């Protein structure tokens, strides 16, 4: 795995968190059971995982 600087990780975290917040707002407007809703839900889960992994890396 490639090594990233603290600044790169912080910037990536900010970008992902921003996109995550926007996706949460979009999700509220999508009808449950539609492909768009499913995709948005899966993306939100992926973004949460990414933020958690970045946080773990920053703690080390």
PDB file of N, CA and C in Angstrom:
ATOM      1  N   UNK A   1       0.843  -1.181   0.000  1.00  0.00           N
ATOM      2  CA  UNK A   1       0.000   0.000   0.000  1.00  0.00           C
ATOM      3  C   UNK A   1       0.884   1.239   0.000  1.00  0.00           C
ATOM      4  N   UNK A   2       0.455   2.222  -0.715  1.00  0.00           N
ATOM      5  CA  UNK A   2       1.221   3.460  -0.823  1.00  0.00           C
ATOM      6  C   UNK A   2       1.126   4.256   0.476  1.00  0.00           C
ATOM      7  N   UNK A   3       2.192   4.965   0.800  1.00  0.00           N
ATOM      8  CA  UNK A   3       2.183   5.828   1.982  1.00  0.00           C
ATOM      9  C   UNK A   3       1.741   7.222   1.576  1.00  0.00           C
ATOM     10  N   UNK A   4       0.840   7.785   2.361  1.00  0.00           N
ATOM     11  CA  UNK A   4       0.326   9.124   2.097  1.00  0.00           C
ATOM     12  C   UNK A   4       0.708  10.035   3.255  1.00  0.00           C
ATOM     13  N   UNK A   5       0.918  11.293   2.942  1.00  0.00           N
ATOM     14  CA  UNK A   5       1.259  12.249   3.992  1.00  0.00           C
ATOM     15  C   UNK A   5       0.011  12.555   4.813  1.00  0.00           C
ATOM     16  N   UNK A   6       0.227  13.103   5.993  1.00  0.00           N
ATOM     17  CA  UNK A   6      -0.879  13.479   6.865  1.00  0.00           C
ATOM     18  C   UNK A   6      -1.782  14.495   6.165  1.00  0.00           C
ATOM     19  N   UNK A   7      -1.174  15.428   5.449  1.00  0.00           N
ATOM     20  CA  UNK A   7      -1.939  16.452   4.736  1.00  0.00           C
ATOM     21  C   UNK A   7      -2.821  15.832   3.648  1.00  0.00           C
ATOM     22  N   UNK A   8      -2.273  14.860   2.923  1.00  0.00           N
ATOM     23  CA  UNK A   8      -3.055  14.181   1.883  1.00  0.00           C
ATOM     24  C   UNK A   8      -4.239  13.434   2.487  1.00  0.00           C
ATOM     25  N   UNK A   9      -3.996  12.767   3.604  1.00  0.00           N
ATOM     26  CA  UNK A   9      -5.078  12.039   4.267  1.00  0.00           C
ATOM     27  C   UNK A   9      -6.149  12.985   4.788  1.00  0.00           C
ATOM     28  N   UNK A  10      -5.741  14.093   5.369  1.00  0.00           N
ATOM     29  CA  UNK A  10      -6.711  15.062   5.881  1.00  0.00           C
ATOM     30  C   UNK A  10      -7.553  15.663   4.759  1.00  0.00           C
ATOM     31  N   UNK A  11      -6.907  15.958   3.635  1.00  0.00           N
ATOM     32  CA  UNK A  11      -7.633  16.520   2.495  1.00  0.00           C
ATOM     33  C   UNK A  11      -8.611  15.493   1.923  1.00  0.00           C
ATOM     34  N   UNK A  12      -8.173  14.254   1.823  1.00  0.00           N
ATOM     35  CA  UNK A  12      -9.058  13.191   1.330  1.00  0.00           C
ATOM     36  C   UNK A  12     -10.240  13.011   2.269  1.00  0.00           C
ATOM     37  N   UNK A  13      -9.984  13.070   3.563  1.00  0.00           N
ATOM     38  CA  UNK A  13     -11.062  12.922   4.545  1.00  0.00           C
ATOM     39  C   UNK A  13     -12.077  14.040   4.409  1.00  0.00           C
ATOM     40  N   UNK A  14     -11.592  15.263   4.240  1.00  0.00           N
ATOM     41  CA  UNK A  14     -12.505  16.413   4.075  1.00  0.00           C
ATOM     42  C   UNK A  14     -13.360  16.244   2.825  1.00  0.00           C
ATOM     43  N   UNK A  15     -12.740  15.828   1.737  1.00  0.00           N
ATOM     44  CA  UNK A  15     -13.472  15.657   0.482  1.00  0.00           C
ATOM     45  C   UNK A  15     -14.529  14.557   0.601  1.00  0.00           C
ATOM     46  N   UNK A  16     -14.147  13.442   1.209  1.00  0.00           N
ATOM     47  CA  UNK A  16     -15.090  12.332   1.363  1.00  0.00           C
ATOM     48  C   UNK A  16     -16.222  12.724   2.301  1.00  0.00           C
ATOM     49  N   UNK A  17     -15.900  13.389   3.401  1.00  0.00           N
ATOM     50  CA  UNK A  17     -16.934  13.805   4.351  1.00  0.00           C
ATOM     51  C   UNK A  17     -17.912  14.785   3.700  1.00  0.00           C
ATOM     52  N   UNK A  18     -17.412  15.668   2.867  1.00  0.00           N
ATOM     53  CA  UNK A  18     -18.266  16.619   2.162  1.00  0.00           C
ATOM     54  C   UNK A  18     -19.209  15.898   1.205  1.00  0.00           C
ATOM     55  N   UNK A  19     -18.662  14.982   0.439  1.00  0.00           N
ATOM     56  CA  UNK A  19     -19.483  14.210  -0.494  1.00  0.00           C
ATOM     57  C   UNK A  19     -20.494  13.364   0.261  1.00  0.00           C
ATOM     58  N   UNK A  20     -20.085  12.822   1.391  1.00  0.00           N
ATOM     59  CA  UNK A  20     -20.970  12.013   2.215  1.00  0.00           C
ATOM     60  C   UNK A  20     -22.172  12.838   2.682  1.00  0.00           C
ATOM     61  N   UNK A  21     -21.926  14.047   3.126  1.00  0.00           N
ATOM     62  CA  UNK A  21     -23.012  14.918   3.583  1.00  0.00           C
ATOM     63  C   UNK A  21     -23.986  15.220   2.439  1.00  0.00           C
ATOM     64  N   UNK A  22     -23.450  15.456   1.264  1.00  0.00           N
ATOM     65  CA  UNK A  22     -24.304  15.725   0.105  1.00  0.00           C
ATOM     66  C   UNK A  22     -25.129  14.499  -0.272  1.00  0.00           C
ATOM     67  N   UNK A  23     -24.502  13.323  -0.200  1.00  0.00           N
ATOM     68  CA  UNK A  23     -25.209  12.088  -0.535  1.00  0.00           C
ATOM     69  C   UNK A  23     -26.340  11.813   0.453  1.00  0.00           C
ATOM     70  N   UNK A  24     -26.136  12.143   1.720  1.00  0.00           N
ATOM     71  CA  UNK A  24     -27.188  11.947   2.713  1.00  0.00           C
ATOM     72  C   UNK A  24     -28.417  12.791   2.369  1.00  0.00           C
ATOM     73  N   UNK A  25     -28.190  14.001   1.902  1.00  0.00           N
ATOM     74  CA  UNK A  25     -29.308  14.868   1.501  1.00  0.00           C
ATOM     75  C   UNK A  25     -30.020  14.318   0.268  1.00  0.00           C
ATOM     76  N   UNK A  26     -29.254  13.811  -0.684  1.00  0.00           N
ATOM     77  CA  UNK A  26     -29.823  13.234  -1.896  1.00  0.00           C
ATOM     78  C   UNK A  26     -30.631  11.986  -1.557  1.00  0.00           C
ATOM     79  N   UNK A  27     -30.115  11.186  -0.655  1.00  0.00           N
ATOM     80  CA  UNK A  27     -30.778   9.935  -0.280  1.00  0.00           C
ATOM     81  C   UNK A  27     -32.194  10.186   0.225  1.00  0.00           C
ATOM     82  N   UNK A  28     -32.387  11.278   0.939  1.00  0.00           N
ATOM     83  CA  UNK A  28     -33.714  11.610   1.472  1.00  0.00           C
ATOM     84  C   UNK A  28     -34.735  11.851   0.364  1.00  0.00           C
ATOM     85  N   UNK A  29     -34.267  12.255  -0.797  1.00  0.00           N
ATOM     86  CA  UNK A  29     -35.158  12.576  -1.916  1.00  0.00           C
ATOM     87  C   UNK A  29     -35.439  11.379  -2.817  1.00  0.00           C
ATOM     88  N   UNK A  30     -34.695  10.300  -2.618  1.00  0.00           N
ATOM     89  CA  UNK A  30     -34.857   9.129  -3.470  1.00  0.00           C
ATOM     90  C   UNK A  30     -35.853   8.153  -2.860  1.00  0.00           C
ATOM     91  N   UNK A  31     -36.634   7.547  -3.725  1.00  0.00           N
ATOM     92  CA  UNK A  31     -37.622   6.579  -3.270  1.00  0.00           C
ATOM     93  C   UNK A  31     -36.930   5.263  -2.951  1.00  0.00           C
ATOM     94  N   UNK A  32     -37.233   4.731  -1.783  1.00  0.00           N
ATOM     95  CA  UNK A  32     -36.642   3.466  -1.356  1.00  0.00           C
ATOM     96  C   UNK A  32     -37.014   2.352  -2.332  1.00  0.00           C
ATOM     97  N   UNK A  33     -36.046   1.492  -2.595  1.00  0.00           N
ATOM     98  CA  UNK A  33     -36.276   0.374  -3.502  1.00  0.00           C
ATOM     99  C   UNK A  33     -35.862   0.641  -4.929  1.00  0.00           C
ATOM    100  N   UNK A  34     -35.572   1.902  -5.255  1.00  0.00           N
ATOM    101  CA  UNK A  34     -35.121   2.222  -6.609  1.00  0.00           C
ATOM    102  C   UNK A  34     -33.624   1.952  -6.723  1.00  0.00           C
ATOM    103  N   UNK A  35     -33.155   1.722  -7.940  1.00  0.00           N
ATOM    104  CA  UNK A  35     -31.710   1.514  -8.112  1.00  0.00           C
ATOM    105  C   UNK A  35     -30.882   2.709  -7.622  1.00  0.00           C
ATOM    106  N   UNK A  36     -31.400   3.911  -7.806  1.00  0.00           N
ATOM    107  CA  UNK A  36     -30.680   5.108  -7.362  1.00  0.00           C
ATOM    108  C   UNK A  36     -30.536   5.120  -5.837  1.00  0.00           C
ATOM    109  N   UNK A  37     -31.600   4.716  -5.141  1.00  0.00           N
ATOM    110  CA  UNK A  37     -31.566   4.674  -3.676  1.00  0.00           C
ATOM    111  C   UNK A  37     -30.556   3.635  -3.209  1.00  0.00           C
ATOM    112  N   UNK A  38     -30.574   2.473  -3.838  1.00  0.00           N
ATOM    113  CA  UNK A  38     -29.634   1.406  -3.482  1.00  0.00           C
ATOM    114  C   UNK A  38     -28.202   1.858  -3.709  1.00  0.00           C
ATOM    115  N   UNK A  39     -27.935   2.468  -4.847  1.00  0.00           N
ATOM    116  CA  UNK A  39     -26.587   2.942  -5.159  1.00  0.00           C
ATOM    117  C   UNK A  39     -26.139   3.999  -4.153  1.00  0.00           C
ATOM    118  N   UNK A  40     -27.011   4.949  -3.843  1.00  0.00           N
ATOM    119  CA  UNK A  40     -26.663   5.992  -2.881  1.00  0.00           C
ATOM    120  C   UNK A  40     -26.385   5.395  -1.503  1.00  0.00           C
ATOM    121  N   UNK A  41     -27.176   4.421  -1.098  1.00  0.00           N
ATOM    122  CA  UNK A  41     -26.976   3.763   0.199  1.00  0.00           C
ATOM    123  C   UNK A  41     -25.629   3.060   0.244  1.00  0.00           C
ATOM    124  N   UNK A  42     -25.287   2.368  -0.832  1.00  0.00           N
ATOM    125  CA  UNK A  42     -24.000   1.666  -0.887  1.00  0.00           C
ATOM    126  C   UNK A  42     -22.826   2.643  -0.910  1.00  0.00           C
ATOM    127  N   UNK A  43     -22.995   3.749  -1.603  1.00  0.00           N
ATOM    128  CA  UNK A  43     -21.929   4.756  -1.629  1.00  0.00           C
ATOM    129  C   UNK A  43     -21.724   5.359  -0.250  1.00  0.00           C
ATOM    130  N   UNK A  44     -22.818   5.637   0.452  1.00  0.00           N
ATOM    131  CA  UNK A  44     -22.701   6.180   1.808  1.00  0.00           C
ATOM    132  C   UNK A  44     -21.939   5.216   2.708  1.00  0.00           C
ATOM    133  N   UNK A  45     -22.248   3.946   2.609  1.00  0.00           N
ATOM    134  CA  UNK A  45     -21.535   2.947   3.413  1.00  0.00           C
ATOM    135  C   UNK A  45     -20.055   2.937   3.064  1.00  0.00           C
ATOM    136  N   UNK A  46     -19.741   3.013   1.784  1.00  0.00           N
ATOM    137  CA  UNK A  46     -18.342   3.025   1.344  1.00  0.00           C
ATOM    138  C   UNK A  46     -17.617   4.279   1.842  1.00  0.00           C
ATOM    139  N   UNK A  47     -18.288   5.410   1.795  1.00  0.00           N
ATOM    140  CA  UNK A  47     -17.678   6.656   2.279  1.00  0.00           C
ATOM    141  C   UNK A  47     -17.418   6.579   3.777  1.00  0.00           C
ATOM    142  N   UNK A  48     -18.348   6.003   4.529  1.00  0.00           N
ATOM    143  CA  UNK A  48     -18.150   5.868   5.979  1.00  0.00           C
ATOM    144  C   UNK A  48     -16.947   4.973   6.277  1.00  0.00           C
ATOM    145  N   UNK A  49     -16.823   3.896   5.529  1.00  0.00           N
ATOM    146  CA  UNK A  49     -15.675   3.004   5.705  1.00  0.00           C
ATOM    147  C   UNK A  49     -14.381   3.740   5.377  1.00  0.00           C
ATOM    148  N   UNK A  50     -14.392   4.490   4.287  1.00  0.00           N
ATOM    149  CA  UNK A  50     -13.192   5.227   3.881  1.00  0.00           C
ATOM    150  C   UNK A  50     -12.771   6.225   4.957  1.00  0.00           C
ATOM    151  N   UNK A  51     -13.735   6.942   5.521  1.00  0.00           N
ATOM    152  CA  UNK A  51     -13.419   7.915   6.577  1.00  0.00           C
ATOM    153  C   UNK A  51     -12.864   7.193   7.803  1.00  0.00           C
ATOM    154  N   UNK A  52     -13.465   6.071   8.170  1.00  0.00           N
ATOM    155  CA  UNK A  52     -12.961   5.301   9.313  1.00  0.00           C
ATOM    156  C   UNK A  52     -11.528   4.831   9.087  1.00  0.00           C
ATOM    157  N   UNK A  53     -11.245   4.342   7.882  1.00  0.00           N
ATOM    158  CA  UNK A  53      -9.889   3.873   7.577  1.00  0.00           C
ATOM    159  C   UNK A  53      -8.888   5.014   7.588  1.00  0.00           C
ATOM    160  N   UNK A  54      -9.285   6.153   7.067  1.00  0.00           N
ATOM    161  CA  UNK A  54      -8.384   7.315   7.102  1.00  0.00           C
ATOM    162  C   UNK A  54      -8.133   7.731   8.548  1.00  0.00           C
ATOM    163  N   UNK A  55      -9.184   7.745   9.357  1.00  0.00           N
ATOM    164  CA  UNK A  55      -9.021   8.096  10.777  1.00  0.00           C
ATOM    165  C   UNK A  55      -8.061   7.141  11.480  1.00  0.00           C
ATOM    166  N   UNK A  56      -8.172   5.842  11.200  1.00  0.00           N
ATOM    167  CA  UNK A  56      -7.263   4.859  11.792  1.00  0.00           C
ATOM    168  C   UNK A  56      -5.824   5.132  11.373  1.00  0.00           C
ATOM    169  N   UNK A  57      -5.651   5.434  10.099  1.00  0.00           N
ATOM    170  CA  UNK A  57      -4.296   5.717   9.600  1.00  0.00           C
ATOM    171  C   UNK A  57      -3.719   6.965  10.255  1.00  0.00           C
ATOM    172  N   UNK A  58      -4.549   7.970  10.478  1.00  0.00           N
ATOM    173  CA  UNK A  58      -4.081   9.195  11.097  1.00  0.00           C
ATOM    174  C   UNK A  58      -3.733   8.994  12.568  1.00  0.00           C
ATOM    175  N   UNK A  59      -4.382   8.036  13.221  1.00  0.00           N
ATOM    176  CA  UNK A  59      -4.111   7.762  14.643  1.00  0.00           C
ATOM    177  C   UNK A  59      -2.763   7.076  14.851  1.00  0.00           C
ATOM    178  N   UNK A  60      -2.293   6.365  13.847  1.00  0.00           N
ATOM    179  CA  UNK A  60      -1.036   5.613  13.986  1.00  0.00           C
ATOM    180  C   UNK A  60       0.171   6.511  13.956  1.00  0.00           C
TER     181      UNK A  60
END
